[in-house]
Amino acid sequence: MATLTVRGLDEELHGRLRVQAAQHGRSMEAEVRSILRCVLSPRRDTRGLGSRIHARFEGIDAELDIPERKDPPRTIEFDP
């Protein structure tokens, strides 16, 4: 496993890192590993679900017949 030494960290940033590590119940070293893992992990697709579904099926040329609605929408009654 590799070792990394960080020099020149200003006091404010060092203090914030210490507090964040304590809030997460970790050592500062474990907190830095967690931050680096989170930041450098492969990016997930940030588009919404609908956009991802649209992109997946956008090349498919299919026409769907949507039946015409004959009955009016029903109202829902909830028991008190």
Protein backbone atom coordinates (compact mmCIF):
# COMPACT_ATOMS: atom_id res chain seq x y z
CA MET A 1 0.00 0.00 0.00
CA ALA A 2 1.29 3.45 -0.88
CA THR A 3 2.07 6.20 1.61
CA LEU A 4 1.41 9.89 1.01
CA THR A 5 2.67 12.82 3.07
CA VAL A 6 0.91 16.17 2.74
CA ARG A 7 2.92 19.24 3.73
CA GLY A 8 1.86 22.86 3.92
CA LEU A 9 -1.70 22.22 5.10
CA ASP A 10 -3.01 25.43 6.63
CA GLU A 11 -4.28 25.36 10.21
CA GLU A 12 -7.90 26.10 9.32
CA LEU A 13 -8.12 23.23 6.84
CA HIS A 14 -6.32 20.93 9.28
CA GLY A 15 -8.83 21.85 11.99
CA ARG A 16 -11.81 21.28 9.71
CA LEU A 17 -10.43 17.90 8.70
CA ARG A 18 -9.94 16.97 12.36
CA VAL A 19 -13.52 17.96 13.23
CA GLN A 20 -14.99 16.12 10.23
CA ALA A 21 -13.01 13.00 11.09
CA ALA A 22 -14.28 13.15 14.67
CA GLN A 23 -17.87 13.58 13.45
CA HIS A 24 -17.49 10.44 11.35
CA GLY A 25 -15.76 8.55 14.15
CA ARG A 26 -12.54 8.09 12.15
CA SER A 27 -8.92 9.05 12.43
CA MET A 28 -7.76 11.95 10.28
CA GLU A 29 -5.86 9.49 8.09
CA ALA A 30 -8.99 7.37 7.56
CA GLU A 31 -10.99 10.53 6.82
CA VAL A 32 -8.49 11.60 4.15
CA ARG A 33 -8.67 8.12 2.58
CA SER A 34 -12.46 8.33 2.54
CA ILE A 35 -12.41 11.80 0.94
CA LEU A 36 -9.92 10.73 -1.72
CA ARG A 37 -11.88 7.54 -2.46
CA CYS A 38 -15.09 9.53 -2.84
CA VAL A 39 -13.58 12.24 -5.03
CA LEU A 40 -11.49 9.97 -7.25
CA SER A 41 -13.93 7.08 -7.72
CA PRO A 42 -15.29 6.61 -11.23
CA ARG A 43 -18.11 9.06 -11.81
CA ARG A 44 -21.64 7.82 -11.89
CA ASP A 45 -24.01 9.11 -14.49
CA THR A 46 -25.45 12.30 -13.01
CA ARG A 47 -28.45 12.45 -15.32
CA GLY A 48 -31.87 11.65 -13.92
CA LEU A 49 -33.56 8.30 -14.41
CA GLY A 50 -35.88 9.59 -17.13
CA SER A 51 -32.96 11.02 -19.12
CA ARG A 52 -31.03 7.76 -18.85
CA ILE A 53 -34.04 5.71 -20.00
CA HIS A 54 -34.60 8.11 -22.90
CA ALA A 55 -30.94 7.86 -23.97
CA ARG A 56 -31.04 4.06 -23.85
CA PHE A 57 -34.09 3.76 -26.11
CA GLU A 58 -33.74 6.85 -28.28
CA GLY A 59 -32.43 4.92 -31.31
CA ILE A 60 -35.37 2.51 -31.37
CA ASP A 61 -37.91 3.41 -34.01
CA ALA A 62 -41.21 2.13 -32.65
CA GLU A 63 -44.64 3.63 -32.86
CA LEU A 64 -47.06 2.73 -30.12
CA ASP A 65 -50.80 3.00 -30.49
CA ILE A 66 -52.13 4.76 -27.45
CA PRO A 67 -55.79 3.88 -27.00
CA GLU A 68 -58.19 6.73 -26.63
CA ARG A 69 -59.64 7.08 -23.14
CA LYS A 70 -63.40 6.56 -23.19
CA ASP A 71 -64.20 6.65 -19.50
CA PRO A 72 -63.59 9.70 -17.34
CA PRO A 73 -60.97 9.31 -14.60
CA ARG A 74 -62.31 7.72 -11.42
CA THR A 75 -62.18 9.52 -8.13
CA ILE A 76 -60.56 7.78 -5.19
CA GLU A 77 -62.33 7.68 -1.89
CA PHE A 78 -60.34 7.06 1.25
CA ASP A 79 -61.84 5.53 4.36
CA PRO A 80 -61.79 7.96 7.32
